[in-house]
Protein backbone atom coordinates (compact mmCIF):
# COMPACT_ATOMS: atom_id res chain seq x y z
CA LEU A 1 -4.44 -13.83 -5.19
CA LYS A 2 -4.51 -16.86 -4.06
CA GLU A 3 -0.16 -17.02 -3.75
CA GLN A 4 -1.16 -14.54 -1.11
CA GLY A 5 -3.29 -16.85 1.17
CA TYR A 6 -6.56 -15.31 -0.64
CA SER A 7 -8.98 -18.18 -1.31
CA SER A 8 -12.23 -17.36 -3.29
CA MET A 9 -14.35 -20.48 -2.37
CA LYS A 10 -17.26 -19.73 -0.80
CA TRP A 11 -16.82 -21.91 2.26
CA ALA A 12 -13.39 -20.66 3.12
CA VAL A 13 -15.89 -17.14 4.61
CA PRO A 14 -18.35 -17.75 7.24
CA PRO A 15 -21.53 -17.21 6.45
CA TYR A 16 -21.99 -13.70 8.55
CA VAL A 17 -19.51 -11.89 6.13
CA ARG A 18 -21.82 -11.86 3.50
CA ASN A 19 -24.75 -10.36 5.93
CA SER A 20 -24.43 -6.98 6.24
CA LYS A 21 -26.57 -6.88 9.83
CA ALA A 22 -24.17 -9.78 11.01
CA LEU A 23 -21.12 -7.60 10.83
CA LEU A 24 -22.93 -4.46 12.19
CA MET A 25 -22.77 -6.86 15.34
CA LEU A 26 -19.08 -7.32 15.52
CA PRO A 27 -16.84 -5.49 18.28
CA VAL A 28 -16.41 -2.08 16.96
CA PRO A 29 -12.93 -1.00 18.24
CA SER A 30 -13.56 2.31 20.77
CA ALA A 31 -11.71 4.85 21.54
CA SER A 32 -10.09 5.12 24.85
CA ALA A 33 -8.41 7.74 27.14
CA SER A 34 -5.23 5.88 27.44
CA LEU A 35 -4.86 5.98 23.73
CA SER A 36 -2.44 8.21 21.80
CA LYS A 37 -4.42 10.79 19.31
CA GLU A 38 -1.89 9.03 16.91
CA VAL A 39 -3.83 5.70 17.76
CA LEU A 40 -7.03 7.37 17.43
CA HIS A 41 -6.81 8.88 14.09
CA SER A 42 -5.62 5.75 12.79
CA LEU A 43 -8.34 4.06 14.19
CA GLU A 44 -10.36 6.60 12.50
CA LYS A 45 -9.09 5.97 9.60
CA GLY A 46 -9.57 2.28 9.63
CA GLU A 47 -13.05 2.42 10.65
CA SER A 48 -13.75 4.66 7.39
CA TYR A 49 -11.89 1.80 5.62
CA PHE A 50 -13.66 -0.80 6.70
CA HIS A 51 -17.17 1.06 6.30
CA ARG A 52 -15.94 1.87 2.30
CA CYS A 53 -14.94 -1.78 1.83
CA GLN A 54 -18.19 -3.08 3.27
CA VAL A 55 -20.19 -0.83 1.02
CA GLU A 56 -18.10 -1.07 -2.19
CA ILE A 57 -18.76 -4.92 -1.42
CA SER A 58 -22.16 -4.78 -1.21
CA ARG A 59 -22.44 -2.79 -4.26
CA LEU A 60 -20.09 -5.14 -5.80
CA ARG A 61 -22.46 -8.18 -4.78
CA LEU A 62 -25.56 -6.65 -5.93
CA GLU A 63 -23.70 -5.79 -9.07
CA ILE A 64 -22.97 -9.21 -9.67
CA THR A 65 -26.63 -10.68 -8.83
CA THR A 66 -28.44 -7.75 -11.12
CA PHE A 67 -26.32 -6.74 -13.90
CA GLY A 68 -23.59 -9.30 -14.51
CA SER A 69 -21.15 -7.97 -17.16
CA GLN A 70 -20.30 -7.70 -20.73
CA TYR A 71 -16.71 -8.50 -20.38
CA MET A 72 -16.46 -11.30 -17.22
CA SER A 73 -18.30 -14.47 -17.22
CA GLN A 74 -19.95 -15.55 -14.70
CA ARG A 75 -17.30 -18.02 -13.21
CA GLU A 76 -15.05 -14.85 -13.16
CA MET A 77 -17.16 -12.92 -11.30
CA ASN A 78 -18.17 -15.56 -8.81
CA LEU A 79 -14.40 -15.75 -7.77
CA MET A 80 -14.12 -12.07 -7.72
CA GLN A 81 -17.10 -11.78 -5.16
CA GLY A 82 -14.98 -14.57 -3.47
CA TYR A 83 -12.22 -12.95 -3.04
CA SER A 84 -13.77 -10.10 -2.12
CA ASP A 85 -15.46 -11.70 0.75
CA HIS A 86 -12.03 -13.44 1.87
CA MET A 87 -10.76 -9.70 2.43
CA LEU A 88 -13.22 -8.28 3.96
CA LEU A 89 -13.19 -11.54 6.46
CA ILE A 90 -9.30 -10.52 7.17
CA LEU A 91 -10.87 -7.11 7.85
CA CYS A 92 -12.99 -8.09 10.19
CA GLN A 93 -10.81 -10.49 11.92
CA GLN A 94 -8.01 -7.14 12.18
CA ARG A 95 -11.25 -4.99 13.46
CA SER A 96 -12.00 -7.61 15.75
CA MET A 97 -7.94 -7.83 17.19
CA ALA A 98 -7.94 -4.15 17.68
CA SER A 99 -11.25 -3.76 19.90
CA ASP A 100 -9.77 -7.06 21.83
CA LEU A 101 -6.40 -4.90 22.19
CA ILE A 102 -7.97 -1.42 23.10
CA ALA A 103 -10.31 -3.33 25.66
CA ALA A 104 -7.52 -5.19 27.19
CA ILE A 105 -5.01 -2.47 27.38
CA SER A 106 -7.73 -0.02 28.73
CA THR A 107 -8.74 -2.53 31.37
CA VAL A 108 -4.66 -3.17 32.17
CA ASP A 109 -4.87 0.97 32.36
CA SER A 110 -8.01 0.70 34.88
CA GLN A 111 -5.98 -1.91 36.68
CA SER A 112 -2.89 -0.55 37.33
CA LYS A 113 -4.79 3.06 38.60
CA LEU A 114 -6.37 0.89 41.65
CA PHE A 115 -3.30 -0.58 41.80
CA ASP A 116 -2.12 3.32 42.79
CA ASP A 117 -5.24 4.05 44.99
CA LEU A 118 -4.48 1.03 46.86
CA SER A 119 -0.99 2.22 47.85
CA GLY A 120 -1.74 3.63 51.15
CA ARG A 121 -4.22 1.06 52.21
CA ILE A 122 -2.93 -2.13 51.66
CA PRO A 123 -3.29 -3.54 55.41
CA SER A 124 -6.74 -3.43 55.07
CA GLY A 125 -7.24 -3.90 51.17
CA GLN A 126 -5.20 -7.31 50.86
CA ALA A 127 -8.92 -9.30 49.89
CA GLN A 128 -9.35 -6.70 47.08
CA LEU A 129 -5.78 -6.62 46.15
CA CYS A 130 -5.75 -9.86 45.26
CA GLY A 131 -8.59 -10.12 43.31
CA ILE A 132 -7.69 -6.87 41.71
CA ILE A 133 -3.84 -8.43 40.80
CA THR A 134 -5.53 -12.06 39.44
CA ARG A 135 -7.75 -9.46 37.19
CA PHE A 136 -4.96 -7.58 36.15
CA GLU A 137 -2.55 -10.45 35.48
CA SER A 138 -5.60 -11.97 33.45
CA CYS A 139 -5.72 -8.49 31.43
CA LEU A 140 -2.37 -8.67 31.02
CA ILE A 141 -1.63 -11.98 29.14
CA ASP A 142 -4.68 -10.97 26.99
CA ALA A 143 -3.02 -7.62 25.77
CA ILE A 144 0.38 -9.96 25.43
CA GLU A 145 -1.57 -12.95 23.62
CA ASN A 146 -3.30 -10.34 21.12
CA LEU A 147 -0.10 -8.09 20.52
CA ARG A 148 1.45 -11.45 19.54
CA GLN A 149 -1.51 -12.35 17.40
CA LEU A 150 -1.26 -8.84 15.73
CA VAL A 151 2.57 -9.31 15.00
CA LEU A 152 1.70 -12.56 13.63
CA PHE A 153 -1.22 -11.58 11.43
CA LEU A 154 1.72 -8.33 10.30
CA LYS A 155 4.06 -10.43 9.75
CA GLU A 156 1.46 -12.71 7.45
CA SER A 157 0.20 -9.67 5.63
CA SER A 158 3.09 -7.46 5.07
CA ALA A 159 3.46 -8.57 1.29
CA LEU A 160 0.05 -7.24 0.72
CA ILE A 161 0.25 -4.03 2.39
CA ASP A 162 1.68 -0.90 1.39
CA GLY A 163 5.10 0.90 3.24
CA ASN A 164 7.31 -0.88 5.73
CA VAL A 165 5.35 -3.18 7.77
CA HIS A 166 8.73 -4.37 9.92
CA ASP A 167 8.80 -1.00 12.08
CA TYR A 168 5.63 -1.69 13.35
CA VAL A 169 6.36 -5.50 13.62
CA VAL A 170 9.61 -4.47 15.66
CA ILE A 171 7.93 -2.28 17.90
CA LEU A 172 5.09 -4.46 18.87
CA SER A 173 7.42 -7.18 19.28
CA LEU A 174 9.37 -5.66 21.94
CA CYS A 175 6.26 -4.47 23.81
CA ALA A 176 4.80 -7.51 24.29
CA SER A 177 8.47 -8.80 25.67
CA LYS A 178 8.79 -5.87 27.55
CA LEU A 179 5.23 -6.83 28.85
CA GLU A 180 6.33 -10.08 30.01
CA ASP A 181 9.89 -9.83 30.85
CA ASN A 182 9.12 -6.62 33.16
CA TYR A 183 6.76 -7.66 35.22
CA ALA A 184 6.73 -11.35 37.92
CA PHE A 185 3.14 -13.10 37.84
CA CYS A 186 2.19 -14.06 41.54
CA LYS A 187 -0.58 -16.51 40.24
CA GLY A 188 -3.17 -15.36 42.65
CA THR A 189 -0.56 -15.56 45.12
CA MET A 190 0.65 -12.17 47.32
CA PRO A 191 3.90 -11.02 46.94
């Protein structure tokens, strides 16, 4: 596991990962109307997996502290707990990135709908349009950055995931590139 980037050290994991109440405070990826049914289904499966992992790791902690094991030493049990805490941390990071990406996509979608609504009122809505353009560009930059982080994370964790992740990396990279290449940023000035 160390060769794959996991750590068993307690200091490698923030204390909130070991606190169930703090994990409940993390952002939850929420379903958005702009997401496809496939994405919503994957989101449901991911949430189910997250909650199963959280329960299993809590149960592991309880067993280690109360019962121990006749087959494993205390050091081995602590290593196992450290690795599982680190895996839960990575899962929390993935979940938070998915939440941020969904929020950015929803905001970009709503901002683009506002652009469509302003098409007939351009002369009287110039001040409002400038603010919308600024918010839209900010959200678009966030969405692109979230996509780039997700691609990096998938590349780094591809060895740990069963199945072919390369196709998803290519698709997400193309999406981020198209977003960057097909939109000329105004930077707050009107075109």
